[in-house]
Structure formats: C-alpha cells, structure tokens
Amino acid sequence: MKKIFSVLLITTIVTTLGSPVYASSQNPSDLQECIENSMFYNNEYRLFNEFTYQGMEINLLP
C-alpha cells in the first residue's frame, strides 16, 4: 500500500511541476476601470452590468 501511494504521489508531483503557468499580460488598471464603469448601486448593494474586456464577455456576481 505504501508503495502504491508513493508512486501516485511522485507521479502527481512530477506532472504538477511540468504544467505551464503564465503570467497575465493584461494591464490590471484597464480591467479595474471596466469593472468600475459597470458598477452601480441598488440601495445598499453593489451590482455589476455585463461588460466586454479584450473580446471576452465578463459577468460579475454581486
């Protein structure tokens, strides 16, 4: 049982380390500006309209 667990653990670690991770190339201030422009208040709640950012449709939940 320990041997099977060890093999699974090592396999998981090796495959996780090999997965690519990329930093976002988007400018965060542009996205923040889009979010602020889509924001409105309904009594005490902050709600968001749907908006498009760099060709992607974005829906934010309240």
Protein backbone atom coordinates (compact mmCIF):
# COMPACT_ATOMS: atom_id res chain seq x y z
CA MET A 1 0.00 0.00 0.00
CA LYS A 2 2.82 2.41 0.84
CA LYS A 3 4.50 1.62 -2.45
CA ILE A 4 1.36 2.42 -4.47
CA PHE A 5 0.85 5.64 -2.53
CA SER A 6 4.48 6.62 -3.10
CA VAL A 7 4.21 6.03 -6.85
CA LEU A 8 0.98 8.04 -7.07
CA LEU A 9 2.46 10.86 -5.01
CA ILE A 10 5.62 11.05 -7.11
CA THR A 11 3.59 10.93 -10.33
CA THR A 12 1.39 13.75 -9.11
CA ILE A 13 4.36 15.89 -8.12
CA VAL A 14 6.16 15.33 -11.42
CA THR A 15 3.09 16.14 -13.53
CA THR A 16 2.27 19.21 -11.44
CA LEU A 17 5.76 20.63 -11.78
CA GLY A 18 5.64 20.15 -15.53
CA SER A 19 2.42 22.08 -16.09
CA PRO A 20 2.93 25.51 -17.66
CA VAL A 21 1.95 28.63 -15.76
CA TYR A 22 1.85 32.01 -17.44
CA ALA A 23 1.51 35.49 -16.03
CA SER A 24 -1.29 37.60 -17.37
CA SER A 25 -0.23 40.13 -19.98
CA GLN A 26 -3.28 42.28 -19.36
CA ASN A 27 -2.99 45.67 -17.74
CA PRO A 28 -4.82 45.40 -14.39
CA SER A 29 -5.74 49.09 -14.36
CA ASP A 30 -7.68 48.67 -17.64
CA LEU A 31 -9.68 45.80 -16.17
CA GLN A 32 -10.28 47.73 -12.94
CA GLU A 33 -11.59 50.68 -14.96
CA CYS A 34 -14.00 48.39 -16.86
CA ILE A 35 -15.25 46.94 -13.59
CA GLU A 36 -15.78 50.36 -12.03
CA ASN A 37 -17.66 51.56 -15.12
CA SER A 38 -20.02 48.56 -14.95
CA MET A 39 -20.72 49.03 -11.22
CA PHE A 40 -23.94 50.51 -9.88
CA TYR A 41 -25.67 50.56 -6.52
CA ASN A 42 -29.15 49.24 -5.76
CA ASN A 43 -29.99 50.61 -2.32
CA GLU A 44 -27.12 49.23 -0.23
CA TYR A 45 -25.95 46.53 -2.67
CA ARG A 46 -23.25 46.85 -5.27
CA LEU A 47 -24.23 45.26 -8.58
CA PHE A 48 -22.43 44.88 -11.90
CA ASN A 49 -23.57 45.05 -15.51
CA GLU A 50 -22.19 42.62 -18.06
CA PHE A 51 -19.23 44.04 -19.95
CA THR A 52 -16.69 43.01 -22.58
CA TYR A 53 -12.95 43.18 -21.97
CA GLN A 54 -10.50 42.30 -24.76
CA GLY A 55 -13.16 40.37 -26.63
CA MET A 56 -14.28 38.32 -23.62
CA GLU A 57 -17.76 38.75 -22.12
CA ILE A 58 -17.47 39.10 -18.35
CA ASN A 59 -20.28 38.62 -15.82
CA LEU A 60 -19.62 39.54 -12.21
CA LEU A 61 -21.84 38.26 -9.43
CA PRO A 62 -22.97 40.60 -6.64
